[in-house]
Amino acid sequence: MTWRQLRVLIQHLPPESATMTSIRNAMSPEEYEVQARKGRPEEGQWSMTEQLLAGITDSLHQLEYILVVTNGDGKGRKPKRPEPMRRPGVAPKKAEGLTDRGAETLFRLINGGSAA
């Protein structure tokens, strides 16, 4: 077995494996912080259970947001809408503004025109 093959095998071990746990436990706090900042969960692989847990987490964050907004007195600062948990294979969403063409189309639709 080549060193490359060994590296690929280790990289594709599940996060809960004894080897990956040992690697994490051997990291210094500084290394762990760097890994946490540079982490890209969208490049990993999740099981169906992890996908379902992420969906539940997103739902709970949305419910908490709705509860705070509806029960607030409106005088304080409004909380930010929660971002969905990042998932494997899904890049983070980038906010895009309304283009001039999109604004014109929207204006026509609102005023009873066609979108064409």
C-alpha atoms as a PDB file:
ATOM      1  CA  MET A   1       0.000   0.000   0.000  1.00  0.00           C
ATOM      2  CA  THR A   2       1.332   3.410  -0.918  1.00  0.00           C
ATOM      3  CA  TRP A   3       1.356   6.418   1.420  1.00  0.00           C
ATOM      4  CA  ARG A   4      -1.219   8.070  -0.818  1.00  0.00           C
ATOM      5  CA  GLN A   5      -3.581   5.110  -0.526  1.00  0.00           C
ATOM      6  CA  LEU A   6      -3.174   5.152   3.266  1.00  0.00           C
ATOM      7  CA  ARG A   7      -3.905   8.906   3.373  1.00  0.00           C
ATOM      8  CA  VAL A   8      -7.052   8.444   1.257  1.00  0.00           C
ATOM      9  CA  LEU A   9      -8.253   5.613   3.507  1.00  0.00           C
ATOM     10  CA  ILE A  10      -7.747   7.715   6.637  1.00  0.00           C
ATOM     11  CA  GLN A  11      -9.415  10.777   5.099  1.00  0.00           C
ATOM     12  CA  HIS A  12     -12.528   8.761   4.276  1.00  0.00           C
ATOM     13  CA  LEU A  13     -12.958   7.200   7.708  1.00  0.00           C
ATOM     14  CA  PRO A  14     -16.183   8.161   9.466  1.00  0.00           C
ATOM     15  CA  PRO A  15     -15.768  11.046  11.944  1.00  0.00           C
ATOM     16  CA  GLU A  16     -16.758   8.811  14.856  1.00  0.00           C
ATOM     17  CA  SER A  17     -14.057   6.192  14.095  1.00  0.00           C
ATOM     18  CA  ALA A  18     -11.351   5.534  16.682  1.00  0.00           C
ATOM     19  CA  THR A  19      -8.658   6.839  14.303  1.00  0.00           C
ATOM     20  CA  MET A  20     -10.402  10.155  13.605  1.00  0.00           C
ATOM     21  CA  THR A  21     -11.205  10.580  17.303  1.00  0.00           C
ATOM     22  CA  SER A  22      -7.554   9.975  18.148  1.00  0.00           C
ATOM     23  CA  ILE A  23      -6.425  12.539  15.552  1.00  0.00           C
ATOM     24  CA  ARG A  24      -8.853  15.137  16.958  1.00  0.00           C
ATOM     25  CA  ASN A  25      -7.771  14.422  20.546  1.00  0.00           C
ATOM     26  CA  ALA A  26      -4.097  14.910  19.594  1.00  0.00           C
ATOM     27  CA  MET A  27      -4.727  18.382  18.139  1.00  0.00           C
ATOM     28  CA  SER A  28      -3.747  21.496  20.074  1.00  0.00           C
ATOM     29  CA  PRO A  29      -6.459  24.087  20.800  1.00  0.00           C
ATOM     30  CA  GLU A  30      -4.949  26.370  18.137  1.00  0.00           C
ATOM     31  CA  GLU A  31      -5.011  23.615  15.493  1.00  0.00           C
ATOM     32  CA  TYR A  32      -8.576  22.743  16.461  1.00  0.00           C
ATOM     33  CA  GLU A  33      -9.640  26.387  16.100  1.00  0.00           C
ATOM     34  CA  VAL A  34      -8.043  26.596  12.631  1.00  0.00           C
ATOM     35  CA  GLN A  35      -9.820  23.413  11.565  1.00  0.00           C
ATOM     36  CA  ALA A  36     -13.138  24.738  12.890  1.00  0.00           C
ATOM     37  CA  ARG A  37     -12.762  27.983  10.899  1.00  0.00           C
ATOM     38  CA  LYS A  38     -11.644  26.252   7.700  1.00  0.00           C
ATOM     39  CA  GLY A  39     -14.165  23.422   7.900  1.00  0.00           C
ATOM     40  CA  ARG A  40     -16.295  22.784   4.827  1.00  0.00           C
ATOM     41  CA  PRO A  41     -19.121  20.412   5.753  1.00  0.00           C
ATOM     42  CA  GLU A  42     -20.561  20.706   2.254  1.00  0.00           C
ATOM     43  CA  GLU A  43     -17.590  18.649   0.992  1.00  0.00           C
ATOM     44  CA  GLY A  44     -18.145  15.785   3.437  1.00  0.00           C
ATOM     45  CA  GLN A  45     -20.541  12.874   3.367  1.00  0.00           C
ATOM     46  CA  TRP A  46     -23.483  12.623   5.713  1.00  0.00           C
ATOM     47  CA  SER A  47     -25.674   9.658   6.452  1.00  0.00           C
ATOM     48  CA  MET A  48     -29.458   9.893   6.217  1.00  0.00           C
ATOM     49  CA  THR A  49     -29.572  10.234  10.015  1.00  0.00           C
ATOM     50  CA  GLU A  50     -27.273  13.250   9.913  1.00  0.00           C
ATOM     51  CA  GLN A  51     -29.334  14.810   7.120  1.00  0.00           C
ATOM     52  CA  LEU A  52     -32.511  14.342   9.155  1.00  0.00           C
ATOM     53  CA  LEU A  53     -30.878  15.818  12.260  1.00  0.00           C
ATOM     54  CA  ALA A  54     -29.774  18.856  10.245  1.00  0.00           C
ATOM     55  CA  GLY A  55     -33.362  19.292   9.031  1.00  0.00           C
ATOM     56  CA  ILE A  56     -34.678  19.064  12.577  1.00  0.00           C
ATOM     57  CA  THR A  57     -32.063  21.579  13.749  1.00  0.00           C
ATOM     58  CA  ASP A  58     -33.063  24.014  11.000  1.00  0.00           C
ATOM     59  CA  SER A  59     -36.735  23.614  11.919  1.00  0.00           C
ATOM     60  CA  LEU A  60     -36.026  24.289  15.588  1.00  0.00           C
ATOM     61  CA  HIS A  61     -34.019  27.397  14.734  1.00  0.00           C
ATOM     62  CA  GLN A  62     -36.899  28.652  12.546  1.00  0.00           C
ATOM     63  CA  LEU A  63     -39.442  27.984  15.310  1.00  0.00           C
ATOM     64  CA  GLU A  64     -37.270  29.799  17.851  1.00  0.00           C
ATOM     65  CA  TYR A  65     -36.966  32.760  15.472  1.00  0.00           C
ATOM     66  CA  ILE A  66     -40.743  32.874  14.887  1.00  0.00           C
ATOM     67  CA  LEU A  67     -41.419  32.614  18.628  1.00  0.00           C
ATOM     68  CA  VAL A  68     -39.079  35.514  19.425  1.00  0.00           C
ATOM     69  CA  VAL A  69     -40.461  37.699  16.612  1.00  0.00           C
ATOM     70  CA  THR A  70     -44.137  37.078  17.427  1.00  0.00           C
ATOM     71  CA  ASN A  71     -43.757  37.481  21.192  1.00  0.00           C
ATOM     72  CA  GLY A  72     -41.478  40.494  21.050  1.00  0.00           C
ATOM     73  CA  ASP A  73     -42.797  43.938  21.867  1.00  0.00           C
ATOM     74  CA  GLY A  74     -41.423  45.342  18.605  1.00  0.00           C
ATOM     75  CA  LYS A  75     -39.338  47.968  20.379  1.00  0.00           C
ATOM     76  CA  GLY A  76     -36.092  46.056  20.495  1.00  0.00           C
ATOM     77  CA  ARG A  77     -33.778  44.932  17.779  1.00  0.00           C
ATOM     78  CA  LYS A  78     -35.303  42.295  15.509  1.00  0.00           C
ATOM     79  CA  PRO A  79     -33.256  39.065  15.461  1.00  0.00           C
ATOM     80  CA  LYS A  80     -31.673  37.885  12.236  1.00  0.00           C
ATOM     81  CA  ARG A  81     -33.390  35.041  10.417  1.00  0.00           C
ATOM     82  CA  PRO A  82     -31.409  31.833  11.100  1.00  0.00           C
ATOM     83  CA  GLU A  83     -29.186  30.424   8.373  1.00  0.00           C
ATOM     84  CA  PRO A  84     -29.721  26.770   7.452  1.00  0.00           C
ATOM     85  CA  MET A  85     -27.053  24.323   8.597  1.00  0.00           C
ATOM     86  CA  ARG A  86     -24.473  23.738   5.888  1.00  0.00           C
ATOM     87  CA  ARG A  87     -24.834  20.327   4.250  1.00  0.00           C
ATOM     88  CA  PRO A  88     -22.592  18.125   2.116  1.00  0.00           C
ATOM     89  CA  GLY A  89     -22.870  18.859  -1.592  1.00  0.00           C
ATOM     90  CA  VAL A  90     -24.577  22.214  -1.035  1.00  0.00           C
ATOM     91  CA  ALA A  91     -22.489  25.364  -1.275  1.00  0.00           C
ATOM     92  CA  PRO A  92     -23.377  28.264   1.024  1.00  0.00           C
ATOM     93  CA  LYS A  93     -25.923  30.635  -0.511  1.00  0.00           C
ATOM     94  CA  LYS A  94     -24.677  34.029  -1.582  1.00  0.00           C
ATOM     95  CA  ALA A  95     -27.089  36.912  -1.298  1.00  0.00           C
ATOM     96  CA  GLU A  96     -27.875  38.385  -4.673  1.00  0.00           C
ATOM     97  CA  GLY A  97     -29.613  41.671  -5.202  1.00  0.00           C
ATOM     98  CA  LEU A  98     -32.399  42.366  -7.661  1.00  0.00           C
ATOM     99  CA  THR A  99     -31.014  43.151 -11.114  1.00  0.00           C
ATOM    100  CA  ASP A 100     -32.318  46.027 -13.224  1.00  0.00           C
ATOM    101  CA  ARG A 101     -33.910  43.581 -15.650  1.00  0.00           C
ATOM    102  CA  GLY A 102     -35.543  41.685 -12.785  1.00  0.00           C
ATOM    103  CA  ALA A 103     -36.822  44.939 -11.298  1.00  0.00           C
ATOM    104  CA  GLU A 104     -38.369  45.958 -14.635  1.00  0.00           C
ATOM    105  CA  THR A 105     -40.035  42.561 -15.036  1.00  0.00           C
ATOM    106  CA  LEU A 106     -41.386  42.723 -11.499  1.00  0.00           C
ATOM    107  CA  PHE A 107     -42.700  46.259 -12.095  1.00  0.00           C
ATOM    108  CA  ARG A 108     -44.528  45.120 -15.278  1.00  0.00           C
ATOM    109  CA  LEU A 109     -46.056  42.128 -13.491  1.00  0.00           C
ATOM    110  CA  ILE A 110     -47.252  44.221 -10.566  1.00  0.00           C
ATOM    111  CA  ASN A 111     -48.850  46.734 -12.941  1.00  0.00           C
ATOM    112  CA  GLY A 112     -50.763  44.112 -14.912  1.00  0.00           C
ATOM    113  CA  GLY A 113     -48.309  43.608 -17.770  1.00  0.00           C
ATOM    114  CA  SER A 114     -46.752  40.409 -19.031  1.00  0.00           C
ATOM    115  CA  ALA A 115     -43.377  39.044 -17.994  1.00  0.00           C
ATOM    116  CA  ALA A 116     -42.157  38.750 -21.602  1.00  0.00           C
END
